[in-house]
N, C-alpha and C. Protein backbone atom coordinates (compact mmCIF):
# COMPACT_ATOMS: atom_id res chain seq x y z
N MET A 1 104.35 53.74 100.33
CA MET A 1 103.17 54.62 100.47
C MET A 1 103.59 55.71 101.99
N ASP A 2 104.34 54.65 102.56
CA ASP A 2 105.06 56.15 103.42
C ASP A 2 105.40 57.17 103.12
N TYR A 3 105.73 57.59 101.94
CA TYR A 3 106.22 58.58 101.45
C TYR A 3 104.78 59.58 101.32
N VAL A 4 104.20 58.87 100.60
CA VAL A 4 102.34 59.73 100.51
C VAL A 4 102.19 60.43 101.49
N SER A 5 101.84 59.32 102.86
CA SER A 5 101.43 59.58 104.14
C SER A 5 102.64 60.97 104.97
N ALA A 6 104.14 60.80 104.84
CA ALA A 6 104.81 62.06 105.18
C ALA A 6 104.68 63.31 104.10
N LEU A 7 104.55 63.43 102.95
CA LEU A 7 104.25 64.49 102.16
C LEU A 7 103.26 65.31 102.33
N LEU A 8 101.58 64.31 102.43
CA LEU A 8 100.77 65.08 102.42
C LEU A 8 99.96 65.85 103.33
N PRO A 9 100.37 65.89 104.68
CA PRO A 9 100.31 67.73 105.63
C PRO A 9 101.34 68.41 104.90
N PRO A 10 102.62 68.80 104.74
CA PRO A 10 102.95 69.89 104.29
C PRO A 10 102.84 70.22 103.25
N ILE A 11 101.71 69.57 101.84
CA ILE A 11 101.43 69.89 100.93
C ILE A 11 100.12 70.50 101.03
N VAL A 12 99.47 70.09 102.25
CA VAL A 12 98.09 70.53 102.45
C VAL A 12 98.26 72.16 102.90
N MET A 13 99.20 72.10 103.80
CA MET A 13 99.56 73.36 104.65
C MET A 13 100.00 74.21 103.74
N ALA A 14 100.95 73.86 102.68
CA ALA A 14 101.51 75.06 101.65
C ALA A 14 100.02 75.14 100.83
N ALA A 15 99.37 74.81 100.13
CA ALA A 15 98.09 74.88 99.23
C ALA A 15 97.54 76.10 100.47
N PHE A 16 97.11 75.57 101.66
CA PHE A 16 96.15 76.43 102.56
C PHE A 16 97.11 77.84 102.65
N PHE A 17 98.54 77.80 102.79
CA PHE A 17 98.99 79.04 103.01
C PHE A 17 99.00 79.80 101.46
N ILE A 18 99.20 79.33 100.87
CA ILE A 18 99.11 79.88 98.79
C ILE A 18 97.53 80.38 99.13
N GLY A 19 96.69 79.79 99.47
CA GLY A 19 95.18 80.53 99.39
C GLY A 19 94.70 81.48 100.14
N LEU A 20 95.80 81.57 101.76
CA LEU A 20 95.43 82.89 101.89
C LEU A 20 96.41 83.80 101.97
N VAL A 21 97.12 83.61 101.36
CA VAL A 21 98.03 84.56 100.58
C VAL A 21 97.13 85.42 99.64
N VAL A 22 97.08 84.46 98.86
CA VAL A 22 96.10 85.04 97.73
C VAL A 22 94.62 85.97 97.99
N THR A 23 93.94 85.28 99.46
CA THR A 23 93.11 85.92 99.47
C THR A 23 93.18 87.37 100.16
N ILE A 24 94.53 87.60 101.14
CA ILE A 24 94.66 88.28 101.71
C ILE A 24 95.18 89.68 100.60
N VAL A 25 96.12 89.23 99.50
CA VAL A 25 96.56 90.21 98.55
C VAL A 25 95.38 90.78 97.50
N LYS A 26 94.04 89.92 97.07
CA LYS A 26 93.57 90.04 96.52
C LYS A 26 92.46 91.11 97.19
N SER A 27 92.47 90.95 98.76
CA SER A 27 91.22 91.72 99.71
C SER A 27 92.10 93.06 99.87
N GLN A 28 93.11 93.75 99.40
CA GLN A 28 93.96 94.67 99.19
C GLN A 28 93.01 95.99 98.47
N GLY A 29 93.40 96.97 99.13
CA GLY A 29 91.95 97.75 98.30
C GLY A 29 90.95 97.90 97.33
N GLY A 30 90.97 98.21 96.72
CA GLY A 30 89.50 98.02 96.26
C GLY A 30 88.24 99.58 96.59
N PRO A 31 87.06 98.74 96.53
CA PRO A 31 85.92 99.89 97.07
C PRO A 31 86.19 100.22 98.45
N ASN A 32 86.36 98.83 99.30
CA ASN A 32 86.41 99.31 100.73
C ASN A 32 87.76 99.37 101.23
N LYS A 33 88.69 100.00 100.36
CA LYS A 33 89.72 100.54 100.75
C LYS A 33 89.71 101.77 101.59
N ALA A 34 88.59 102.98 101.07
CA ALA A 34 87.98 104.12 101.71
C ALA A 34 87.41 104.04 102.90
N LYS A 35 86.82 102.73 103.07
CA LYS A 35 86.23 102.73 104.53
C LYS A 35 87.09 101.97 105.26
N GLU A 36 88.22 101.08 105.14
CA GLU A 36 88.82 100.72 106.04
C GLU A 36 89.74 101.70 106.66
N ASP A 37 90.61 102.98 105.51
CA ASP A 37 91.71 103.58 106.15
C ASP A 37 90.29 104.73 107.18
N ALA A 38 89.58 104.64 106.74
CA ALA A 38 88.89 105.71 107.81
C ALA A 38 88.56 104.87 108.90
N ALA A 39 88.26 103.69 108.89
CA ALA A 39 88.25 103.14 110.36
C ALA A 39 89.22 103.28 111.02
N VAL A 40 90.33 102.63 110.14
CA VAL A 40 91.65 103.01 110.73
C VAL A 40 91.81 104.60 112.00
N ASP A 41 91.70 105.58 110.69
CA ASP A 41 92.41 106.57 110.89
C ASP A 41 91.18 107.22 112.27
N ALA A 42 89.92 106.87 112.06
CA ALA A 42 89.10 107.49 113.44
C ALA A 42 89.62 106.49 114.77
N ALA A 43 90.20 105.19 114.58
CA ALA A 43 90.39 104.65 115.79
C ALA A 43 91.84 104.99 116.27
N LEU A 44 92.75 105.70 115.62
CA LEU A 44 93.76 105.96 115.80
C LEU A 44 93.39 107.25 116.79
N ALA A 45 92.89 108.40 116.03
CA ALA A 45 92.30 109.48 116.51
C ALA A 45 91.61 109.36 118.16
N ARG A 46 91.00 108.37 118.40
CA ARG A 46 89.99 108.04 119.89
C ARG A 46 91.83 107.58 120.61
N ALA A 47 91.86 106.65 119.70
CA ALA A 47 93.53 106.38 121.13
C ALA A 47 94.22 107.64 121.63
N GLU A 48 94.36 108.18 120.38
CA GLU A 48 95.63 109.47 120.65
C GLU A 48 94.74 110.42 121.73
N VAL A 49 93.22 110.50 121.56
CA VAL A 49 92.38 111.99 122.67
C VAL A 49 92.56 111.01 123.84
N ALA A 50 92.48 109.56 124.21
CA ALA A 50 92.67 108.98 125.45
C ALA A 50 93.61 109.05 125.82
N GLN A 51 94.40 108.69 124.78
CA GLN A 51 95.61 108.80 126.01
C GLN A 51 96.50 110.07 126.23
N GLN A 52 95.90 111.58 126.06
CA GLN A 52 96.25 112.74 125.97
C GLN A 52 95.30 113.12 127.15
N GLN A 53 94.38 112.47 127.06
CA GLN A 53 93.42 112.62 128.42
C GLN A 53 93.84 111.69 129.80
N SER A 54 94.17 110.90 129.29
CA SER A 54 94.62 110.46 130.76
C SER A 54 96.56 110.02 130.94
N GLY A 55 96.94 111.33 130.33
CA GLY A 55 98.36 111.30 130.52
C GLY A 55 98.27 112.49 132.43
N PRO A 56 99.70 112.50 132.25
CA PRO A 56 99.97 113.35 133.68
C PRO A 56 99.10 114.71 133.76
N ALA A 57 98.64 114.76 134.97
CA ALA A 57 98.06 115.58 135.05
C ALA A 57 98.78 117.43 135.44
N ALA A 58 98.63 118.70 134.88
CA ALA A 58 99.45 119.57 134.97
C ALA A 58 99.47 119.94 136.32
N PRO A 59 100.63 120.20 136.63
CA PRO A 59 100.41 120.98 138.65
C PRO A 59 99.93 122.58 138.47
């Protein structure tokens, strides 16, 4: 029975990891992809503007 208790944690972790990967792959694209892309683009634009505004002042 020691082999069962030795193998159970890796098997449970492997099953969880496979489920996580499947969930990530299934959530890619789909109807929310445009909203996700727009949110990322807006965040990048805000970061770029903030970086330009806080840059070194012109003499």
